[in-house]
Amino acid sequence: MSPAAERPKILVVDDTPANLLVMRRLLAKVEAELIEARSGNEALAASLDHEFALILLDVQMPEMDGFEVAEFLSQEQHSRDTPIIFVTAAYADDMNRVKGYGSGAVDYIVKPINDVILLSKVRVFLELYRGKQQLRVLLAELDQRNRQLQAEVAERQRLEELARHQASHDPLTALPNRMLFLDRLGKSIARAERRGTPCALFYIDIDDFKPVNDHHGHQAGDELLKAVSQRMLDTMRKSDTVARLGGDEFAIIMEEPADAADALLLAQRLAAGLRKPYQLQLHGQPGPVEVQVGASIGIALYPQHAADLDALVRAADGVMYRAKNAGKNQCVMAQ
């Protein structure tokens, strides 16, 4: 049962059985569950077990009077907001009223009890409680909806980010694809122009890839391309961009080489690393399959070898084919 559907509870505290009986009969006319306590201690214990819409508290009780009970209840987080109506003798003076309000009372009912006044006040506080419960339910529903919206927004953002990543990255190797490569190359050239420093472009073709693919199958070819990609990433610096242009062709943007000799040295180190044997784990094979390939690398620098992006790409691509035609497994620098 939801909090809004539960019957509100009223705590009646009085040490006199006859007074409790009177209250029981009068409050039978309201839609509420009645809980009785015959002492201050019983009232405090009941407040721990129940949430009350209203407490009707007798002032004159032995051991712990109503003022003390109200004081305790006002100090506890679970009961500090529960309205308390003091039930007191007709001779209660203004000082006692002030004391009662200071202890947490919201109203007074004078004995002998007028049933019309009692029921009128009780119904007002029950309506207030029901309103508070309905507000609590609405706030909980709103909070849940807000969490759902936040989850939906986060999921939408995740899917949008995934879509952007998929549009700009190679699905096999997760490297930047041609579109992202060209974007980063343009930015690298712009930085080089601003700073007055060069940038280098490597065009790379994997030598003898086709025989591996033909002999061991497409799975071996895919695993080899992923292994080659990882070796490139391991060799290059974090600031550089390694991209797969398609098939067994790759490109690398080297940021701010010291000079052409610095770029050539890194390309040669990369080629040497790529020539080392690969141990491929293939499905259906009892053990790893060893293969070996090489790389033909063409290197061009901006602005030394080209004045713009297109010219730099043509220069690097051209010398890469020169390296391949010269016997493969070579690094050739543009002139």
Protein backbone atom coordinates (compact mmCIF):
# COMPACT_ATOMS: atom_id res chain seq x y z
CA MET A 1 0.00 0.00 0.00
CA SER A 2 1.37 3.41 -0.96
CA PRO A 3 1.85 6.09 1.73
CA ALA A 4 -1.03 8.10 0.25
CA ALA A 5 -3.40 5.08 0.51
CA GLU A 6 -2.60 4.20 4.14
CA ARG A 7 -4.98 5.36 6.85
CA PRO A 8 -3.37 8.15 8.88
CA LYS A 9 -2.58 7.36 12.50
CA ILE A 10 -3.46 9.37 15.60
CA LEU A 11 -1.67 8.87 18.92
CA VAL A 12 -3.74 9.55 22.03
CA VAL A 13 -1.72 9.86 25.25
CA ASP A 14 -3.55 9.86 28.58
CA ASP A 15 -2.93 8.03 31.86
CA THR A 16 -6.67 7.82 32.65
CA PRO A 17 -8.54 4.85 31.04
CA ALA A 18 -11.84 6.74 31.08
CA ASN A 19 -10.33 9.59 29.08
CA LEU A 20 -8.92 7.14 26.56
CA LEU A 21 -12.37 5.57 26.22
CA VAL A 22 -13.94 8.95 25.52
CA MET A 23 -11.31 9.75 22.92
CA ARG A 24 -11.76 6.33 21.33
CA ARG A 25 -15.50 6.87 20.90
CA LEU A 26 -15.15 10.39 19.56
CA LEU A 27 -12.39 9.58 17.12
CA ALA A 28 -14.27 6.57 15.74
CA LYS A 29 -16.00 9.14 13.52
CA VAL A 30 -12.83 10.06 11.63
CA GLU A 31 -10.97 8.06 9.00
CA ALA A 32 -7.87 7.30 11.01
CA GLU A 33 -6.20 4.49 12.93
CA LEU A 34 -6.12 5.19 16.66
CA ILE A 35 -3.14 4.18 18.81
CA GLU A 36 -3.21 4.69 22.58
CA ALA A 37 -0.48 5.28 25.14
CA ARG A 38 -0.97 5.42 28.91
CA SER A 39 2.27 7.16 29.80
CA GLY A 40 4.97 9.38 28.39
CA ASN A 41 7.31 6.43 27.91
CA GLU A 42 4.67 4.50 25.97
CA ALA A 43 4.12 7.56 23.78
CA LEU A 44 7.82 7.86 22.99
CA ALA A 45 8.03 4.15 22.17
CA ALA A 46 4.98 4.38 19.89
CA SER A 47 6.52 7.31 18.02
CA LEU A 48 9.48 5.10 17.14
CA ASP A 49 7.22 2.44 15.60
CA HIS A 50 4.70 4.63 13.78
CA GLU A 51 4.37 7.82 11.79
CA PHE A 52 1.55 9.90 13.22
CA ALA A 53 -0.61 12.48 11.53
CA LEU A 54 -1.44 13.96 14.94
CA ILE A 55 -0.70 13.46 18.65
CA LEU A 56 -3.32 14.28 21.30
CA LEU A 57 -1.27 14.62 24.44
CA ASP A 58 -2.53 14.94 28.01
CA VAL A 59 -0.58 17.55 29.94
CA GLN A 60 -0.99 16.23 33.49
CA MET A 61 0.60 12.78 33.72
CA PRO A 62 2.74 11.20 36.47
CA GLU A 63 6.46 10.52 36.00
CA MET A 64 6.68 12.35 32.65
CA ASP A 65 4.19 15.11 31.90
CA GLY A 66 3.04 16.23 28.47
CA PHE A 67 5.54 19.08 28.29
CA GLU A 68 8.45 16.66 28.69
CA VAL A 69 7.03 14.24 26.14
CA ALA A 70 6.56 17.05 23.62
CA GLU A 71 10.10 18.26 24.26
CA PHE A 72 11.53 14.79 23.55
CA LEU A 73 9.44 14.40 20.39
CA SER A 74 10.52 17.80 19.06
CA GLN A 75 14.18 16.77 19.34
CA GLU A 76 13.84 13.58 17.28
CA GLN A 77 14.06 13.83 13.50
CA HIS A 78 11.30 11.27 12.86
CA SER A 79 8.77 13.09 15.08
CA ARG A 80 9.83 16.75 15.17
CA ASP A 81 7.29 17.73 12.50
CA THR A 82 4.36 15.81 13.98
CA PRO A 83 1.67 18.25 15.19
CA ILE A 84 0.82 17.96 18.91
CA ILE A 85 -2.43 19.14 20.46
CA PHE A 86 -2.27 19.41 24.23
CA VAL A 87 -5.35 18.20 26.11
CA THR A 88 -5.50 20.02 29.42
CA ALA A 89 -7.80 21.06 32.27
CA ALA A 90 -9.93 24.15 31.92
CA TYR A 91 -7.94 25.98 34.56
CA ALA A 92 -4.75 26.03 32.42
CA ASP A 93 -3.42 29.55 32.45
CA ASP A 94 -1.62 31.53 29.77
CA MET A 95 1.81 30.65 31.18
CA ASN A 96 1.12 26.94 30.67
CA ARG A 97 -0.04 27.67 27.16
CA VAL A 98 3.17 29.53 26.40
CA LYS A 99 5.14 26.65 27.91
CA GLY A 100 3.22 24.20 25.75
CA TYR A 101 3.85 26.12 22.54
CA GLY A 102 7.51 26.32 23.47
CA SER A 103 7.58 22.53 23.85
CA GLY A 104 6.19 21.96 20.36
CA ALA A 105 2.41 22.11 20.73
CA VAL A 106 0.43 23.56 17.84
CA ASP A 107 -2.92 23.84 19.65
CA TYR A 108 -4.82 23.23 22.90
CA ILE A 109 -8.07 21.42 23.67
CA VAL A 110 -9.60 22.08 27.08
CA LYS A 111 -11.25 19.45 29.25
CA PRO A 112 -14.08 18.61 29.40
CA ILE A 113 -13.74 17.96 25.70
CA ASN A 114 -16.21 19.48 23.30
CA ASP A 115 -16.67 16.81 20.65
CA VAL A 116 -17.47 19.31 17.87
CA ILE A 117 -14.28 21.31 18.54
CA LEU A 118 -12.18 18.15 18.85
CA LEU A 119 -13.43 16.59 15.62
CA SER A 120 -13.13 19.88 13.75
CA LYS A 121 -9.49 20.33 14.75
CA VAL A 122 -8.61 16.68 14.20
CA ARG A 123 -10.09 16.70 10.69
CA VAL A 124 -8.10 19.82 9.80
CA PHE A 125 -4.83 18.16 10.81
CA LEU A 126 -5.78 14.92 9.03
CA GLU A 127 -6.40 16.85 5.83
CA LEU A 128 -3.06 18.58 6.24
CA TYR A 129 -1.39 15.20 6.74
CA ARG A 130 -3.08 13.69 3.70
CA GLY A 131 -1.97 16.67 1.66
CA LYS A 132 1.58 16.22 2.91
CA GLN A 133 1.47 12.51 2.05
CA GLN A 134 0.18 13.22 -1.44
CA LEU A 135 2.92 15.79 -1.92
CA ARG A 136 5.48 13.25 -0.73
CA VAL A 137 4.20 10.73 -3.28
CA LEU A 138 4.25 13.34 -6.05
CA LEU A 139 7.79 14.40 -5.14
CA ALA A 140 8.91 10.76 -5.12
CA GLU A 141 7.32 10.23 -8.54
CA LEU A 142 8.94 13.42 -9.80
CA ASP A 143 12.31 12.33 -8.43
CA GLN A 144 11.94 8.93 -10.11
CA ARG A 145 10.97 10.59 -13.38
CA ASN A 146 13.95 12.93 -13.12
CA ARG A 147 16.24 9.95 -12.62
CA GLN A 148 14.67 8.24 -15.62
CA LEU A 149 15.16 11.37 -17.71
CA GLN A 150 18.77 11.64 -16.59
CA ALA A 151 19.32 7.99 -17.51
CA GLU A 152 17.66 8.56 -20.90
CA VAL A 153 19.78 11.66 -21.55
CA ALA A 154 22.95 9.80 -20.53
CA GLU A 155 22.03 6.88 -22.81
CA ARG A 156 21.26 9.25 -25.69
CA GLN A 157 24.59 11.00 -25.17
CA ARG A 158 26.34 7.62 -25.06
CA LEU A 159 24.70 6.55 -28.33
CA GLU A 160 25.52 9.89 -29.97
CA GLU A 161 29.13 9.60 -28.84
CA LEU A 162 29.22 6.00 -30.10
CA ALA A 163 27.78 7.12 -33.45
CA ARG A 164 30.37 9.90 -33.71
CA HIS A 165 33.14 7.45 -32.84
CA GLN A 166 31.92 4.88 -35.35
CA ALA A 167 31.70 7.55 -38.05
CA SER A 168 35.28 8.64 -37.47
CA HIS A 169 37.06 5.40 -36.54
CA ASP A 170 37.92 2.15 -38.27
CA PRO A 171 35.66 -0.63 -36.90
CA LEU A 172 38.38 -3.30 -36.96
CA THR A 173 41.37 -1.52 -35.42
CA ALA A 174 39.54 1.38 -33.68
CA LEU A 175 42.09 3.74 -35.28
CA PRO A 176 40.98 7.06 -36.79
CA ASN A 177 39.63 6.53 -40.30
CA ARG A 178 40.39 8.60 -43.41
CA MET A 179 37.85 11.31 -42.50
CA LEU A 180 39.26 11.89 -39.02
CA PHE A 181 42.82 11.56 -40.32
CA LEU A 182 42.30 14.37 -42.83
CA ASP A 183 40.70 16.54 -40.14
CA ARG A 184 43.66 16.02 -37.78
CA LEU A 185 46.15 16.56 -40.58
CA GLY A 186 44.55 19.89 -41.37
CA LYS A 187 44.77 20.92 -37.71
CA SER A 188 48.39 19.74 -37.51
CA ILE A 189 49.32 21.85 -40.54
CA ALA A 190 47.54 24.86 -39.02
CA ARG A 191 49.49 24.42 -35.75
CA ALA A 192 52.75 24.08 -37.67
CA GLU A 193 51.92 27.30 -39.52
CA ARG A 194 51.18 29.19 -36.28
CA ARG A 195 54.22 27.90 -34.40
CA GLY A 196 56.68 27.92 -37.25
CA THR A 197 57.48 24.23 -36.68
CA PRO A 198 57.22 21.30 -39.12
CA CYS A 199 54.89 18.32 -39.07
CA ALA A 200 55.59 15.00 -40.76
CA LEU A 201 53.30 12.62 -42.61
CA PHE A 202 54.03 8.89 -42.98
CA TYR A 203 52.18 6.86 -45.62
CA ILE A 204 52.50 3.14 -44.88
CA ASP A 205 51.67 0.06 -46.91
CA ILE A 206 52.02 -3.35 -45.27
CA ASP A 207 54.23 -5.60 -47.42
CA ASP A 208 53.25 -9.23 -48.02
CA PHE A 209 49.89 -8.84 -46.30
CA LYS A 210 47.94 -10.55 -49.10
CA PRO A 211 49.81 -13.90 -48.83
CA VAL A 212 48.98 -14.06 -45.09
CA ASN A 213 45.33 -13.32 -45.82
CA ASP A 214 45.19 -15.86 -48.67
CA HIS A 215 47.03 -18.64 -46.84
CA HIS A 216 45.56 -18.34 -43.34
CA GLY A 217 42.18 -16.73 -44.10
CA HIS A 218 40.44 -13.45 -43.36
CA GLN A 219 40.49 -14.02 -39.61
CA ALA A 220 44.28 -14.11 -39.71
CA GLY A 221 44.29 -10.97 -41.86
CA ASP A 222 42.07 -9.14 -39.36
CA GLU A 223 44.15 -10.24 -36.38
CA LEU A 224 47.32 -9.19 -38.18
CA LEU A 225 45.93 -5.72 -38.95
CA LYS A 226 45.01 -5.27 -35.28
CA ALA A 227 48.48 -6.39 -34.18
CA VAL A 228 50.16 -4.07 -36.70
CA SER A 229 47.99 -1.19 -35.45
CA GLN A 230 48.99 -1.81 -31.86
CA ARG A 231 52.71 -1.88 -32.73
CA MET A 232 52.32 1.47 -34.48
CA LEU A 233 50.60 2.93 -31.43
CA ASP A 234 53.31 1.53 -29.15
CA THR A 235 56.08 3.04 -31.29
CA MET A 236 54.63 6.50 -31.88
CA ARG A 237 54.18 9.24 -29.30
CA LYS A 238 50.86 10.05 -27.62
CA SER A 239 50.68 13.33 -29.53
CA ASP A 240 50.92 11.59 -32.91
CA THR A 241 47.97 10.23 -34.88
CA VAL A 242 47.93 6.68 -36.27
CA ALA A 243 45.13 6.13 -38.82
CA ARG A 244 43.94 3.29 -41.03
CA LEU A 245 43.07 4.55 -44.50
CA GLY A 246 41.68 1.24 -45.72
CA GLY A 247 42.85 -2.31 -46.46
CA ASP A 248 46.49 -2.59 -45.43
CA GLU A 249 47.24 1.13 -45.86
CA PHE A 250 47.95 3.34 -42.85
CA ALA A 251 49.03 6.93 -42.25
CA ILE A 252 50.74 8.61 -39.31
CA ILE A 253 50.87 12.30 -38.44
CA MET A 254 54.05 13.05 -36.50
CA GLU A 255 53.75 16.30 -34.56
CA GLU A 256 56.73 18.68 -34.53
CA PRO A 257 59.69 16.52 -35.56
CA ALA A 258 63.00 18.25 -34.99
CA ASP A 259 63.81 17.92 -38.69
CA ALA A 260 63.61 15.48 -41.59
CA ALA A 261 66.33 13.28 -40.09
CA ASP A 262 64.30 12.98 -36.84
CA ALA A 263 61.20 11.90 -38.80
CA LEU A 264 63.21 9.40 -40.88
CA LEU A 265 64.76 7.87 -37.75
CA LEU A 266 61.33 7.30 -36.17
CA ALA A 267 59.98 5.82 -39.41
CA GLN A 268 62.91 3.40 -39.58
CA ARG A 269 62.34 2.35 -35.96
CA LEU A 270 58.68 1.81 -36.78
CA ALA A 271 59.51 -0.30 -39.85
CA ALA A 272 61.91 -2.44 -37.81
CA GLY A 273 59.22 -3.07 -35.20
CA LEU A 274 56.64 -4.00 -37.82
CA ARG A 275 59.03 -6.56 -39.39
CA LYS A 276 59.22 -8.65 -36.22
CA PRO A 277 57.19 -11.91 -36.34
CA TYR A 278 53.55 -11.90 -35.15
CA GLN A 279 51.96 -14.66 -33.08
CA LEU A 280 48.29 -14.77 -34.09
CA GLN A 281 45.69 -16.53 -31.94
CA LEU A 282 43.13 -17.99 -34.37
CA HIS A 283 39.92 -19.86 -33.66
CA GLY A 284 40.20 -23.57 -34.37
CA GLN A 285 44.00 -23.55 -34.18
CA PRO A 286 45.70 -25.53 -31.39
CA GLY A 287 48.38 -22.90 -30.98
CA PRO A 288 49.44 -19.47 -32.26
CA VAL A 289 50.16 -19.00 -35.96
CA GLU A 290 53.41 -17.14 -36.69
CA VAL A 291 53.49 -14.74 -39.63
CA GLN A 292 55.87 -12.03 -40.77
CA VAL A 293 55.29 -8.92 -42.87
CA GLY A 294 57.11 -5.67 -43.57
CA ALA A 295 56.22 -2.07 -44.28
CA SER A 296 56.98 0.40 -47.06
CA ILE A 297 56.92 3.92 -45.60
CA GLY A 298 56.89 7.24 -47.44
CA ILE A 299 57.71 10.39 -45.44
CA ALA A 300 56.97 14.03 -46.28
CA LEU A 301 57.23 17.16 -44.14
CA TYR A 302 55.22 20.35 -44.10
CA PRO A 303 56.28 22.93 -45.20
CA GLN A 304 59.58 21.49 -46.43
CA HIS A 305 58.06 19.18 -49.07
CA ALA A 306 54.58 20.61 -49.57
CA ALA A 307 52.73 23.91 -49.15
CA ASP A 308 49.31 22.52 -48.25
CA LEU A 309 47.43 19.41 -47.16
CA ASP A 310 46.73 17.94 -50.57
CA ALA A 311 50.31 18.41 -51.71
CA LEU A 312 51.61 16.84 -48.48
CA VAL A 313 49.40 13.76 -48.98
CA ARG A 314 50.51 13.40 -52.60
CA ALA A 315 54.16 13.71 -51.59
CA ALA A 316 53.98 11.07 -48.84
CA ASP A 317 51.88 8.70 -51.00
CA GLY A 318 54.27 9.09 -53.94
CA VAL A 319 57.42 8.25 -52.01
CA MET A 320 55.63 5.32 -50.33
CA TYR A 321 55.14 3.78 -53.79
CA ARG A 322 58.79 4.50 -54.55
CA ALA A 323 59.75 2.54 -51.43
CA LYS A 324 57.51 -0.35 -52.48
CA ASN A 325 58.83 -0.43 -56.04
CA ALA A 326 62.41 -0.27 -54.77
CA GLY A 327 62.08 -3.64 -53.06
CA LYS A 328 59.70 -3.11 -50.09
CA ASN A 329 60.53 -2.86 -46.39
CA GLN A 330 62.06 0.56 -46.90
CA CYS A 331 61.57 4.13 -45.69
CA VAL A 332 61.87 6.85 -48.34
CA MET A 333 61.93 10.60 -47.66
CA ALA A 334 60.39 13.07 -50.11
CA GLN A 335 62.81 15.38 -51.92
